């Protein structure tokens, strides 16, 4: 810091009146600041000055960090002006910065600390010019630990994605996610040479439940049926609500025969369930009809076509008595 700049700053302080006192005052302030203030030289990529709080931030002392190239600690860089997308090559950006073309540098770094932890650090800096010839020397800025913020933002994004992929009433997957997953699984079985089955489940006379008992009761019945469906599935299976009283299930690595027994378990479990109608203690039940479609790895079929086949079989189940499972393949009964 030049005497001219120090004198200017000193005029704004009521306490210290000498350069040494000002330096002591600044050292005191920066040591208690949550931000780490620095002055970085571009010729060596080493710190000309860095405040004592760097030890709380990265674990390195001022003396240690001054001897290091800061880029050796940076694991990932995200430029704020580039929508925080990870930077593939830092060199070109750094050259632009060294030329003084960047008036304000703002980036987030994933950095490694002295004890091996990984933290996110926000860096905001401005060009540092030589007072004599105006040439750029480096940058002056501050570093701040933003790990908690980054983690909170990541959790929020995950929650938004989960909500977008989930049916809010039942907690099962959404119709959109069901078709995306089905498309993905159909591509996968071509590589793994496996089978895949789909169930379409529709609650029988669900409209009557809403009309006779009200939507609140209908919602509770939907939630109960969704829980029964989920309880019959493996972790690798996908259960979804496709709308109204209709549900879909994706069964990876499952031929038609295996899908039948899953469908029958769901059907019988729902049929055994009873529901109470509030204070009247009126008990009633419901049933479901299920259509099954299966795909072999050597079939050329897409998600919409497979869904349509399952829907046709569901139509057969509902129009030939309901409360039953419909499929083309014969399943041996034991």
C-alpha atoms as a PDB file:
ATOM      1  CA  UNK A   1       0.000   0.000   0.000  1.00  0.00           C
ATOM      2  CA  UNK A   2       1.468   3.399  -0.976  1.00  0.00           C
ATOM      3  CA  UNK A   3       1.831   6.243   1.542  1.00  0.00           C
ATOM      4  CA  UNK A   4      -0.575   8.342  -0.549  1.00  0.00           C
ATOM      5  CA  UNK A   5      -3.340   5.723  -0.327  1.00  0.00           C
ATOM      6  CA  UNK A   6      -2.632   5.049   3.333  1.00  0.00           C
ATOM      7  CA  UNK A   7      -2.834   8.763   4.158  1.00  0.00           C
ATOM      8  CA  UNK A   8      -6.142   9.001   2.335  1.00  0.00           C
ATOM      9  CA  UNK A   9      -7.579   6.103   4.295  1.00  0.00           C
ATOM     10  CA  UNK A  10      -6.124   7.454   7.532  1.00  0.00           C
ATOM     11  CA  UNK A  11      -8.083  10.689   7.112  1.00  0.00           C
ATOM     12  CA  UNK A  12     -11.271   8.649   7.539  1.00  0.00           C
ATOM     13  CA  UNK A  13     -10.154   7.111  10.826  1.00  0.00           C
ATOM     14  CA  UNK A  14     -10.609   9.040  14.038  1.00  0.00           C
ATOM     15  CA  UNK A  15      -8.161   6.836  15.954  1.00  0.00           C
ATOM     16  CA  UNK A  16      -4.821   6.146  14.234  1.00  0.00           C
ATOM     17  CA  UNK A  17      -2.877   9.087  12.847  1.00  0.00           C
ATOM     18  CA  UNK A  18       0.352   7.452  11.676  1.00  0.00           C
ATOM     19  CA  UNK A  19       0.998   4.918   8.950  1.00  0.00           C
ATOM     20  CA  UNK A  20       2.069   2.266  11.472  1.00  0.00           C
ATOM     21  CA  UNK A  21      -1.057   2.827  13.532  1.00  0.00           C
ATOM     22  CA  UNK A  22      -3.176   2.591  10.390  1.00  0.00           C
ATOM     23  CA  UNK A  23      -1.542  -0.684   9.435  1.00  0.00           C
ATOM     24  CA  UNK A  24      -2.191  -2.039  12.924  1.00  0.00           C
ATOM     25  CA  UNK A  25      -5.806  -0.924  12.705  1.00  0.00           C
ATOM     26  CA  UNK A  26      -6.288  -2.549   9.306  1.00  0.00           C
ATOM     27  CA  UNK A  27      -4.649  -5.753  10.511  1.00  0.00           C
ATOM     28  CA  UNK A  28      -7.021  -5.817  13.479  1.00  0.00           C
ATOM     29  CA  UNK A  29     -10.088  -5.258  11.305  1.00  0.00           C
ATOM     30  CA  UNK A  30      -9.152  -7.856   8.703  1.00  0.00           C
ATOM     31  CA  UNK A  31      -8.263 -10.449  11.339  1.00  0.00           C
ATOM     32  CA  UNK A  32     -11.848 -10.323  12.674  1.00  0.00           C
ATOM     33  CA  UNK A  33     -13.530 -10.090   9.272  1.00  0.00           C
ATOM     34  CA  UNK A  34     -15.335 -13.131   7.913  1.00  0.00           C
ATOM     35  CA  UNK A  35     -13.919 -12.256   4.491  1.00  0.00           C
ATOM     36  CA  UNK A  36     -10.317 -12.800   3.507  1.00  0.00           C
ATOM     37  CA  UNK A  37      -8.939  -9.711   1.757  1.00  0.00           C
ATOM     38  CA  UNK A  38      -6.090 -10.184  -0.689  1.00  0.00           C
ATOM     39  CA  UNK A  39      -3.888  -8.577  -3.277  1.00  0.00           C
ATOM     40  CA  UNK A  40      -2.712 -11.005  -5.960  1.00  0.00           C
ATOM     41  CA  UNK A  41       0.215 -10.529  -8.364  1.00  0.00           C
ATOM     42  CA  UNK A  42      -0.313 -11.981 -11.818  1.00  0.00           C
ATOM     43  CA  UNK A  43       3.366 -12.424 -12.645  1.00  0.00           C
ATOM     44  CA  UNK A  44       3.803 -15.050  -9.931  1.00  0.00           C
ATOM     45  CA  UNK A  45       0.146 -15.855  -9.138  1.00  0.00           C
ATOM     46  CA  UNK A  46       1.129 -15.404  -5.497  1.00  0.00           C
ATOM     47  CA  UNK A  47      -0.385 -13.137  -2.886  1.00  0.00           C
ATOM     48  CA  UNK A  48       1.344  -9.832  -2.282  1.00  0.00           C
ATOM     49  CA  UNK A  49      -0.955  -9.432   0.714  1.00  0.00           C
ATOM     50  CA  UNK A  50      -3.595 -11.635   2.315  1.00  0.00           C
ATOM     51  CA  UNK A  51      -5.405 -11.016   5.581  1.00  0.00           C
ATOM     52  CA  UNK A  52      -4.928 -13.267   8.631  1.00  0.00           C
ATOM     53  CA  UNK A  53      -8.467 -14.678   8.285  1.00  0.00           C
ATOM     54  CA  UNK A  54      -7.163 -16.883   5.468  1.00  0.00           C
ATOM     55  CA  UNK A  55      -6.088 -19.341   8.152  1.00  0.00           C
ATOM     56  CA  UNK A  56      -9.711 -19.756   9.255  1.00  0.00           C
ATOM     57  CA  UNK A  57     -10.755 -20.097   5.624  1.00  0.00           C
ATOM     58  CA  UNK A  58      -8.172 -22.503   4.193  1.00  0.00           C
ATOM     59  CA  UNK A  59      -6.067 -23.577   7.172  1.00  0.00           C
ATOM     60  CA  UNK A  60      -2.867 -22.054   5.801  1.00  0.00           C
ATOM     61  CA  UNK A  61      -1.076 -19.217   7.565  1.00  0.00           C
ATOM     62  CA  UNK A  62      -0.363 -15.937   5.808  1.00  0.00           C
ATOM     63  CA  UNK A  63       3.264 -16.957   5.366  1.00  0.00           C
ATOM     64  CA  UNK A  64       2.327 -20.338   3.905  1.00  0.00           C
ATOM     65  CA  UNK A  65      -0.276 -19.026   1.488  1.00  0.00           C
ATOM     66  CA  UNK A  66       2.027 -16.276   0.184  1.00  0.00           C
ATOM     67  CA  UNK A  67       4.457 -18.925  -1.027  1.00  0.00           C
ATOM     68  CA  UNK A  68       1.786 -20.917  -2.838  1.00  0.00           C
ATOM     69  CA  UNK A  69       0.146 -20.663  -6.233  1.00  0.00           C
ATOM     70  CA  UNK A  70      -3.505 -20.321  -5.259  1.00  0.00           C
ATOM     71  CA  UNK A  71      -4.631 -22.231  -8.335  1.00  0.00           C
ATOM     72  CA  UNK A  72      -3.101 -25.387  -6.888  1.00  0.00           C
ATOM     73  CA  UNK A  73      -5.925 -25.378  -4.316  1.00  0.00           C
ATOM     74  CA  UNK A  74      -8.756 -24.807  -6.806  1.00  0.00           C
ATOM     75  CA  UNK A  75     -10.555 -28.004  -7.830  1.00  0.00           C
ATOM     76  CA  UNK A  76     -13.409 -26.427  -9.800  1.00  0.00           C
ATOM     77  CA  UNK A  77     -14.251 -22.942 -11.047  1.00  0.00           C
ATOM     78  CA  UNK A  78     -17.689 -21.519 -11.817  1.00  0.00           C
ATOM     79  CA  UNK A  79     -17.884 -18.034 -13.325  1.00  0.00           C
ATOM     80  CA  UNK A  80     -20.876 -16.060 -12.025  1.00  0.00           C
ATOM     81  CA  UNK A  81     -21.369 -14.236 -15.351  1.00  0.00           C
ATOM     82  CA  UNK A  82     -21.500 -17.636 -17.082  1.00  0.00           C
ATOM     83  CA  UNK A  83     -24.487 -18.866 -15.039  1.00  0.00           C
ATOM     84  CA  UNK A  84     -22.123 -20.703 -12.668  1.00  0.00           C
ATOM     85  CA  UNK A  85     -21.323 -23.361 -15.242  1.00  0.00           C
ATOM     86  CA  UNK A  86     -18.090 -25.265 -14.547  1.00  0.00           C
ATOM     87  CA  UNK A  87     -15.105 -23.918 -16.474  1.00  0.00           C
ATOM     88  CA  UNK A  88     -13.383 -26.507 -18.642  1.00  0.00           C
ATOM     89  CA  UNK A  89     -10.279 -24.417 -19.340  1.00  0.00           C
ATOM     90  CA  UNK A  90      -9.214 -21.721 -16.912  1.00  0.00           C
ATOM     91  CA  UNK A  91      -6.209 -20.527 -18.930  1.00  0.00           C
ATOM     92  CA  UNK A  92      -8.062 -18.435 -21.508  1.00  0.00           C
ATOM     93  CA  UNK A  93     -10.182 -16.735 -18.856  1.00  0.00           C
ATOM     94  CA  UNK A  94      -7.114 -16.046 -16.759  1.00  0.00           C
ATOM     95  CA  UNK A  95      -5.314 -14.449 -19.713  1.00  0.00           C
ATOM     96  CA  UNK A  96      -8.298 -12.154 -20.337  1.00  0.00           C
ATOM     97  CA  UNK A  97      -8.263 -11.214 -16.676  1.00  0.00           C
ATOM     98  CA  UNK A  98      -4.521 -10.490 -16.718  1.00  0.00           C
ATOM     99  CA  UNK A  99      -4.969  -8.158 -19.691  1.00  0.00           C
ATOM    100  CA  UNK A 100      -7.297  -5.999 -17.620  1.00  0.00           C
ATOM    101  CA  UNK A 101     -10.307  -6.707 -19.854  1.00  0.00           C
ATOM    102  CA  UNK A 102     -12.376  -7.875 -16.889  1.00  0.00           C
ATOM    103  CA  UNK A 103     -13.479  -4.963 -14.708  1.00  0.00           C
ATOM    104  CA  UNK A 104     -15.028  -7.176 -12.063  1.00  0.00           C
ATOM    105  CA  UNK A 105     -14.142 -10.803 -11.503  1.00  0.00           C
ATOM    106  CA  UNK A 106     -16.716 -12.895  -9.676  1.00  0.00           C
ATOM    107  CA  UNK A 107     -16.378 -16.651  -9.427  1.00  0.00           C
ATOM    108  CA  UNK A 108     -17.035 -19.540  -7.085  1.00  0.00           C
ATOM    109  CA  UNK A 109     -14.278 -22.046  -6.430  1.00  0.00           C
ATOM    110  CA  UNK A 110     -14.346 -25.520  -4.987  1.00  0.00           C
ATOM    111  CA  UNK A 111     -11.135 -25.454  -2.977  1.00  0.00           C
ATOM    112  CA  UNK A 112      -9.082 -27.907  -0.964  1.00  0.00           C
ATOM    113  CA  UNK A 113      -8.131 -26.831   2.552  1.00  0.00           C
ATOM    114  CA  UNK A 114      -4.955 -27.692   4.421  1.00  0.00           C
ATOM    115  CA  UNK A 115      -6.685 -30.483   6.327  1.00  0.00           C
ATOM    116  CA  UNK A 116      -8.120 -32.009   3.153  1.00  0.00           C
ATOM    117  CA  UNK A 117     -11.663 -30.679   3.360  1.00  0.00           C
ATOM    118  CA  UNK A 118     -13.413 -29.328   0.279  1.00  0.00           C
ATOM    119  CA  UNK A 119     -15.173 -25.988   0.594  1.00  0.00           C
ATOM    120  CA  UNK A 120     -16.846 -23.545  -1.765  1.00  0.00           C
ATOM    121  CA  UNK A 121     -15.322 -20.060  -1.833  1.00  0.00           C
ATOM    122  CA  UNK A 122     -16.694 -16.916  -3.474  1.00  0.00           C
ATOM    123  CA  UNK A 123     -14.070 -14.665  -5.068  1.00  0.00           C
ATOM    124  CA  UNK A 124     -14.881 -11.048  -5.975  1.00  0.00           C
ATOM    125  CA  UNK A 125     -12.020  -8.930  -7.226  1.00  0.00           C
ATOM    126  CA  UNK A 126     -11.107  -5.879  -9.314  1.00  0.00           C
ATOM    127  CA  UNK A 127      -8.009  -5.114 -11.417  1.00  0.00           C
ATOM    128  CA  UNK A 128      -4.948  -3.756  -9.582  1.00  0.00           C
ATOM    129  CA  UNK A 129      -3.080  -1.244 -11.727  1.00  0.00           C
ATOM    130  CA  UNK A 130       0.385   0.170 -11.312  1.00  0.00           C
ATOM    131  CA  UNK A 131       0.056   3.833 -10.242  1.00  0.00           C
ATOM    132  CA  UNK A 132       3.047   4.908 -12.314  1.00  0.00           C
ATOM    133  CA  UNK A 133       2.286   3.513 -15.777  1.00  0.00           C
ATOM    134  CA  UNK A 134      -1.219   2.150 -15.438  1.00  0.00           C
ATOM    135  CA  UNK A 135      -0.135  -1.373 -16.310  1.00  0.00           C
ATOM    136  CA  UNK A 136      -2.121  -4.154 -14.679  1.00  0.00           C
ATOM    137  CA  UNK A 137      -0.254  -5.810 -11.838  1.00  0.00           C
ATOM    138  CA  UNK A 138      -2.857  -8.177 -10.480  1.00  0.00           C
ATOM    139  CA  UNK A 139      -6.153  -8.027  -8.663  1.00  0.00           C
ATOM    140  CA  UNK A 140      -7.482  -6.896  -5.302  1.00  0.00           C
ATOM    141  CA  UNK A 141     -10.429  -8.754  -3.852  1.00  0.00           C
ATOM    142  CA  UNK A 142     -11.933 -10.881  -1.139  1.00  0.00           C
ATOM    143  CA  UNK A 143     -12.661 -14.538  -0.501  1.00  0.00           C
ATOM    144  CA  UNK A 144     -15.646 -15.829   1.464  1.00  0.00           C
ATOM    145  CA  UNK A 145     -16.696 -19.328   2.519  1.00  0.00           C
ATOM    146  CA  UNK A 146     -20.068 -20.030   0.852  1.00  0.00           C
ATOM    147  CA  UNK A 147     -20.196 -23.792   1.421  1.00  0.00           C
ATOM    148  CA  UNK A 148     -23.427 -23.624   3.435  1.00  0.00           C
ATOM    149  CA  UNK A 149     -25.101 -21.547   0.724  1.00  0.00           C
ATOM    150  CA  UNK A 150     -23.987 -23.840  -2.104  1.00  0.00           C
ATOM    151  CA  UNK A 151     -25.171 -26.926  -0.208  1.00  0.00           C
ATOM    152  CA  UNK A 152     -28.518 -25.258   0.560  1.00  0.00           C
ATOM    153  CA  UNK A 153     -28.944 -24.333  -3.122  1.00  0.00           C
ATOM    154  CA  UNK A 154     -28.127 -27.907  -4.165  1.00  0.00           C
ATOM    155  CA  UNK A 155     -30.696 -29.272  -1.720  1.00  0.00           C
ATOM    156  CA  UNK A 156     -33.285 -26.801  -3.014  1.00  0.00           C
ATOM    157  CA  UNK A 157     -32.615 -27.872  -6.612  1.00  0.00           C
ATOM    158  CA  UNK A 158     -32.947 -31.527  -5.629  1.00  0.00           C
ATOM    159  CA  UNK A 159     -36.244 -30.783  -3.911  1.00  0.00           C
ATOM    160  CA  UNK A 160     -37.538 -28.915  -6.968  1.00  0.00           C
ATOM    161  CA  UNK A 161     -36.505 -31.819  -9.206  1.00  0.00           C
ATOM    162  CA  UNK A 162     -38.134 -34.295  -6.825  1.00  0.00           C
ATOM    163  CA  UNK A 163     -41.370 -32.312  -6.838  1.00  0.00           C
ATOM    164  CA  UNK A 164     -41.324 -32.084 -10.627  1.00  0.00           C
ATOM    165  CA  UNK A 165     -40.859 -35.850 -10.872  1.00  0.00           C
ATOM    166  CA  UNK A 166     -43.383 -36.735  -8.162  1.00  0.00           C
ATOM    167  CA  UNK A 167     -47.132 -36.770  -7.798  1.00  0.00           C
ATOM    168  CA  UNK A 168     -47.778 -34.445  -4.864  1.00  0.00           C
ATOM    169  CA  UNK A 169     -50.859 -36.302  -3.626  1.00  0.00           C
ATOM    170  CA  UNK A 170     -49.522 -39.855  -3.533  1.00  0.00           C
ATOM    171  CA  UNK A 171     -45.740 -39.423  -3.460  1.00  0.00           C
ATOM    172  CA  UNK A 172     -45.347 -41.777  -6.419  1.00  0.00           C
ATOM    173  CA  UNK A 173     -43.576 -40.676  -9.582  1.00  0.00           C
ATOM    174  CA  UNK A 174     -45.293 -38.291 -11.977  1.00  0.00           C
ATOM    175  CA  UNK A 175     -46.653 -39.230 -15.412  1.00  0.00           C
ATOM    176  CA  UNK A 176     -43.812 -37.275 -17.050  1.00  0.00           C
ATOM    177  CA  UNK A 177     -41.162 -39.173 -15.077  1.00  0.00           C
ATOM    178  CA  UNK A 178     -42.894 -42.495 -15.796  1.00  0.00           C
ATOM    179  CA  UNK A 179     -42.555 -42.047 -19.555  1.00  0.00           C
ATOM    180  CA  UNK A 180     -38.980 -40.750 -19.286  1.00  0.00           C
ATOM    181  CA  UNK A 181     -38.014 -43.763 -17.185  1.00  0.00           C
ATOM    182  CA  UNK A 182     -39.854 -46.177 -19.473  1.00  0.00           C
ATOM    183  CA  UNK A 183     -38.025 -44.794 -22.508  1.00  0.00           C
ATOM    184  CA  UNK A 184     -34.705 -45.137 -20.684  1.00  0.00           C
ATOM    185  CA  UNK A 185     -35.433 -48.718 -19.590  1.00  0.00           C
ATOM    186  CA  UNK A 186     -36.429 -49.772 -23.118  1.00  0.00           C
ATOM    187  CA  UNK A 187     -33.066 -48.537 -24.376  1.00  0.00           C
ATOM    188  CA  UNK A 188     -31.265 -50.283 -21.534  1.00  0.00           C
ATOM    189  CA  UNK A 189     -32.739 -53.760 -22.173  1.00  0.00           C
ATOM    190  CA  UNK A 190     -31.324 -53.691 -25.703  1.00  0.00           C
ATOM    191  CA  UNK A 191     -27.856 -53.488 -24.142  1.00  0.00           C
ATOM    192  CA  UNK A 192     -28.478 -55.938 -21.286  1.00  0.00           C
ATOM    193  CA  UNK A 193     -30.683 -58.338 -23.330  1.00  0.00           C
ATOM    194  CA  UNK A 194     -33.335 -58.493 -20.637  1.00  0.00           C
ATOM    195  CA  UNK A 195     -37.125 -58.242 -20.469  1.00  0.00           C
ATOM    196  CA  UNK A 196     -39.265 -55.388 -19.218  1.00  0.00           C
ATOM    197  CA  UNK A 197     -42.892 -55.269 -18.122  1.00  0.00           C
ATOM    198  CA  UNK A 198     -45.394 -52.481 -17.569  1.00  0.00           C
ATOM    199  CA  UNK A 199     -48.560 -52.486 -15.473  1.00  0.00           C
ATOM    200  CA  UNK A 200     -51.405 -50.034 -15.934  1.00  0.00           C
ATOM    201  CA  UNK A 201     -53.655 -49.967 -12.878  1.00  0.00           C
ATOM    202  CA  UNK A 202     -57.031 -48.249 -12.796  1.00  0.00           C
ATOM    203  CA  UNK A 203     -59.310 -47.964  -9.769  1.00  0.00           C
ATOM    204  CA  UNK A 204     -62.745 -49.399 -10.498  1.00  0.00           C
ATOM    205  CA  UNK A 205     -65.608 -46.911 -10.201  1.00  0.00           C
ATOM    206  CA  UNK A 206     -63.314 -44.297  -8.668  1.00  0.00           C
ATOM    207  CA  UNK A 207     -65.587 -41.542  -9.929  1.00  0.00           C
ATOM    208  CA  UNK A 208     -68.375 -42.971  -7.759  1.00  0.00           C
ATOM    209  CA  UNK A 209     -66.169 -42.717  -4.666  1.00  0.00           C
ATOM    210  CA  UNK A 210     -65.638 -39.008  -5.296  1.00  0.00           C
ATOM    211  CA  UNK A 211     -69.306 -38.438  -6.099  1.00  0.00           C
ATOM    212  CA  UNK A 212     -70.668 -40.405  -3.138  1.00  0.00           C
ATOM    213  CA  UNK A 213     -68.150 -39.547  -0.423  1.00  0.00           C
ATOM    214  CA  UNK A 214     -66.426 -36.364  -1.590  1.00  0.00           C
ATOM    215  CA  UNK A 215     -62.992 -35.536  -2.983  1.00  0.00           C
ATOM    216  CA  UNK A 216     -61.261 -35.564   0.404  1.00  0.00           C
ATOM    217  CA  UNK A 217     -62.262 -39.184   0.920  1.00  0.00           C
ATOM    218  CA  UNK A 218     -61.310 -39.942  -2.677  1.00  0.00           C
ATOM    219  CA  UNK A 219     -57.856 -38.465  -2.081  1.00  0.00           C
ATOM    220  CA  UNK A 220     -57.352 -40.636   1.010  1.00  0.00           C
ATOM    221  CA  UNK A 221     -58.333 -43.719  -0.966  1.00  0.00           C
ATOM    222  CA  UNK A 222     -55.871 -42.757  -3.714  1.00  0.00           C
ATOM    223  CA  UNK A 223     -53.106 -42.381  -1.138  1.00  0.00           C
ATOM    224  CA  UNK A 224     -53.897 -45.772   0.369  1.00  0.00           C
ATOM    225  CA  UNK A 225     -53.883 -47.498  -3.020  1.00  0.00           C
ATOM    226  CA  UNK A 226     -50.580 -45.774  -3.836  1.00  0.00           C
ATOM    227  CA  UNK A 227     -49.071 -47.104  -0.587  1.00  0.00           C
ATOM    228  CA  UNK A 228     -50.239 -50.629  -1.433  1.00  0.00           C
ATOM    229  CA  UNK A 229     -48.696 -50.393  -4.905  1.00  0.00           C
ATOM    230  CA  UNK A 230     -45.393 -49.096  -3.503  1.00  0.00           C
ATOM    231  CA  UNK A 231     -45.305 -51.901  -0.898  1.00  0.00           C
ATOM    232  CA  UNK A 232     -45.475 -54.514  -3.679  1.00  0.00           C
ATOM    233  CA  UNK A 233     -42.537 -53.120  -5.643  1.00  0.00           C
ATOM    234  CA  UNK A 234     -38.770 -53.538  -5.502  1.00  0.00           C
ATOM    235  CA  UNK A 235     -36.368 -50.626  -5.184  1.00  0.00           C
ATOM    236  CA  UNK A 236     -35.555 -50.947  -8.886  1.00  0.00           C
ATOM    237  CA  UNK A 237     -39.230 -50.717  -9.905  1.00  0.00           C
ATOM    238  CA  UNK A 238     -41.026 -47.454 -10.618  1.00  0.00           C
ATOM    239  CA  UNK A 239     -44.554 -46.704  -9.478  1.00  0.00           C
ATOM    240  CA  UNK A 240     -46.309 -43.613 -10.837  1.00  0.00           C
ATOM    241  CA  UNK A 241     -49.691 -41.947 -10.802  1.00  0.00           C
ATOM    242  CA  UNK A 242     -50.661 -41.069 -14.348  1.00  0.00           C
ATOM    243  CA  UNK A 243     -53.818 -39.159 -13.455  1.00  0.00           C
ATOM    244  CA  UNK A 244     -57.179 -39.561 -11.749  1.00  0.00           C
ATOM    245  CA  UNK A 245     -57.382 -43.087 -10.353  1.00  0.00           C
ATOM    246  CA  UNK A 246     -54.838 -44.524 -12.788  1.00  0.00           C
ATOM    247  CA  UNK A 247     -51.337 -45.706 -11.938  1.00  0.00           C
ATOM    248  CA  UNK A 248     -48.418 -47.102 -13.902  1.00  0.00           C
ATOM    249  CA  UNK A 249     -45.646 -49.469 -12.853  1.00  0.00           C
ATOM    250  CA  UNK A 250     -42.352 -50.230 -14.606  1.00  0.00           C
ATOM    251  CA  UNK A 251     -40.795 -53.607 -13.766  1.00  0.00           C
ATOM    252  CA  UNK A 252     -37.216 -53.869 -15.077  1.00  0.00           C
ATOM    253  CA  UNK A 253     -35.752 -57.344 -15.674  1.00  0.00           C
ATOM    254  CA  UNK A 254     -39.240 -58.837 -15.389  1.00  0.00           C
ATOM    255  CA  UNK A 255     -40.909 -61.072 -17.989  1.00  0.00           C
ATOM    256  CA  UNK A 256     -44.686 -61.252 -18.383  1.00  0.00           C
ATOM    257  CA  UNK A 257     -44.992 -64.190 -15.975  1.00  0.00           C
ATOM    258  CA  UNK A 258     -43.271 -62.281 -13.175  1.00  0.00           C
ATOM    259  CA  UNK A 259     -45.296 -59.159 -13.920  1.00  0.00           C
ATOM    260  CA  UNK A 260     -48.517 -61.142 -13.558  1.00  0.00           C
ATOM    261  CA  UNK A 261     -47.737 -62.144  -9.994  1.00  0.00           C
ATOM    262  CA  UNK A 262     -46.820 -58.576  -9.050  1.00  0.00           C
ATOM    263  CA  UNK A 263     -50.087 -57.363 -10.584  1.00  0.00           C
ATOM    264  CA  UNK A 264     -52.101 -60.059  -8.835  1.00  0.00           C
ATOM    265  CA  UNK A 265     -50.509 -59.191  -5.495  1.00  0.00           C
ATOM    266  CA  UNK A 266     -51.450 -55.534  -5.978  1.00  0.00           C
ATOM    267  CA  UNK A 267     -54.996 -56.410  -7.076  1.00  0.00           C
ATOM    268  CA  UNK A 268     -55.689 -58.748  -4.151  1.00  0.00           C
ATOM    269  CA  UNK A 269     -54.128 -56.373  -1.598  1.00  0.00           C
ATOM    270  CA  UNK A 270     -56.320 -53.484  -2.737  1.00  0.00           C
ATOM    271  CA  UNK A 271     -59.420 -55.698  -2.713  1.00  0.00           C
ATOM    272  CA  UNK A 272     -58.783 -56.623   0.929  1.00  0.00           C
ATOM    273  CA  UNK A 273     -58.373 -52.985   2.041  1.00  0.00           C
ATOM    274  CA  UNK A 274     -61.290 -51.230   3.769  1.00  0.00           C
ATOM    275  CA  UNK A 275     -61.804 -47.497   4.219  1.00  0.00           C
ATOM    276  CA  UNK A 276     -63.694 -45.693   6.979  1.00  0.00           C
ATOM    277  CA  UNK A 277     -65.958 -42.777   6.164  1.00  0.00           C
ATOM    278  CA  UNK A 278     -65.238 -40.301   8.954  1.00  0.00           C
ATOM    279  CA  UNK A 279     -67.368 -40.227  12.111  1.00  0.00           C
ATOM    280  CA  UNK A 280     -70.077 -42.367  10.553  1.00  0.00           C
ATOM    281  CA  UNK A 281     -67.642 -45.280  10.694  1.00  0.00           C
ATOM    282  CA  UNK A 282     -69.056 -46.459   7.392  1.00  0.00           C
ATOM    283  CA  UNK A 283     -66.683 -48.968   5.861  1.00  0.00           C
ATOM    284  CA  UNK A 284     -66.300 -49.436   2.141  1.00  0.00           C
ATOM    285  CA  UNK A 285     -63.767 -50.949  -0.211  1.00  0.00           C
ATOM    286  CA  UNK A 286     -62.545 -50.583  -3.761  1.00  0.00           C
ATOM    287  CA  UNK A 287     -60.929 -52.702  -6.428  1.00  0.00           C
ATOM    288  CA  UNK A 288     -58.529 -52.185  -9.311  1.00  0.00           C
ATOM    289  CA  UNK A 289     -58.213 -53.536 -12.829  1.00  0.00           C
ATOM    290  CA  UNK A 290     -54.761 -54.096 -14.298  1.00  0.00           C
ATOM    291  CA  UNK A 291     -53.375 -54.435 -17.818  1.00  0.00           C
ATOM    292  CA  UNK A 292     -49.924 -55.879 -18.509  1.00  0.00           C
ATOM    293  CA  UNK A 293     -47.568 -55.387 -21.443  1.00  0.00           C
ATOM    294  CA  UNK A 294     -44.070 -56.809 -21.756  1.00  0.00           C
ATOM    295  CA  UNK A 295     -41.143 -56.075 -24.049  1.00  0.00           C
ATOM    296  CA  UNK A 296     -38.311 -58.398 -25.011  1.00  0.00           C
ATOM    297  CA  UNK A 297     -34.875 -56.994 -25.736  1.00  0.00           C
ATOM    298  CA  UNK A 298     -35.140 -57.937 -29.425  1.00  0.00           C
ATOM    299  CA  UNK A 299     -38.437 -56.070 -29.940  1.00  0.00           C
ATOM    300  CA  UNK A 300     -38.468 -52.746 -31.752  1.00  0.00           C
ATOM    301  CA  UNK A 301     -40.971 -50.885 -29.568  1.00  0.00           C
ATOM    302  CA  UNK A 302     -41.029 -47.453 -27.958  1.00  0.00           C
ATOM    303  CA  UNK A 303     -42.544 -46.215 -24.702  1.00  0.00           C
ATOM    304  CA  UNK A 304     -45.786 -44.962 -26.246  1.00  0.00           C
ATOM    305  CA  UNK A 305     -46.404 -48.212 -28.121  1.00  0.00           C
ATOM    306  CA  UNK A 306     -45.795 -50.372 -25.041  1.00  0.00           C
ATOM    307  CA  UNK A 307     -48.034 -48.123 -22.961  1.00  0.00           C
ATOM    308  CA  UNK A 308     -50.764 -48.436 -25.585  1.00  0.00           C
ATOM    309  CA  UNK A 309     -50.624 -52.244 -25.411  1.00  0.00           C
ATOM    310  CA  UNK A 310     -50.933 -52.164 -21.613  1.00  0.00           C
ATOM    311  CA  UNK A 311     -53.815 -49.702 -21.954  1.00  0.00           C
ATOM    312  CA  UNK A 312     -55.634 -52.036 -24.345  1.00  0.00           C
ATOM    313  CA  UNK A 313     -55.315 -54.876 -21.858  1.00  0.00           C
ATOM    314  CA  UNK A 314     -56.515 -52.618 -19.088  1.00  0.00           C
ATOM    315  CA  UNK A 315     -59.566 -51.861 -21.230  1.00  0.00           C
ATOM    316  CA  UNK A 316     -60.227 -55.597 -21.548  1.00  0.00           C
ATOM    317  CA  UNK A 317     -59.914 -56.079 -17.776  1.00  0.00           C
ATOM    318  CA  UNK A 318     -62.365 -53.268 -17.050  1.00  0.00           C
ATOM    319  CA  UNK A 319     -64.896 -54.403 -19.637  1.00  0.00           C
ATOM    320  CA  UNK A 320     -64.932 -58.094 -18.754  1.00  0.00           C
ATOM    321  CA  UNK A 321     -65.770 -57.853 -15.076  1.00  0.00           C
ATOM    322  CA  UNK A 322     -63.193 -55.516 -13.440  1.00  0.00           C
ATOM    323  CA  UNK A 323     -61.116 -56.440 -10.369  1.00  0.00           C
ATOM    324  CA  UNK A 324     -58.878 -58.605 -12.552  1.00  0.00           C
ATOM    325  CA  UNK A 325     -55.545 -58.734 -14.370  1.00  0.00           C
ATOM    326  CA  UNK A 326     -55.448 -58.887 -18.180  1.00  0.00           C
ATOM    327  CA  UNK A 327     -52.512 -60.045 -20.298  1.00  0.00           C
ATOM    328  CA  UNK A 328     -51.901 -61.930 -23.537  1.00  0.00           C
ATOM    329  CA  UNK A 329     -49.381 -64.443 -22.226  1.00  0.00           C
ATOM    330  CA  UNK A 330     -50.627 -67.508 -20.393  1.00  0.00           C
ATOM    331  CA  UNK A 331     -49.316 -67.857 -16.848  1.00  0.00           C
ATOM    332  CA  UNK A 332     -49.124 -71.235 -15.240  1.00  0.00           C
ATOM    333  CA  UNK A 333     -51.079 -71.252 -11.989  1.00  0.00           C
ATOM    334  CA  UNK A 334     -49.695 -73.126  -8.975  1.00  0.00           C
END
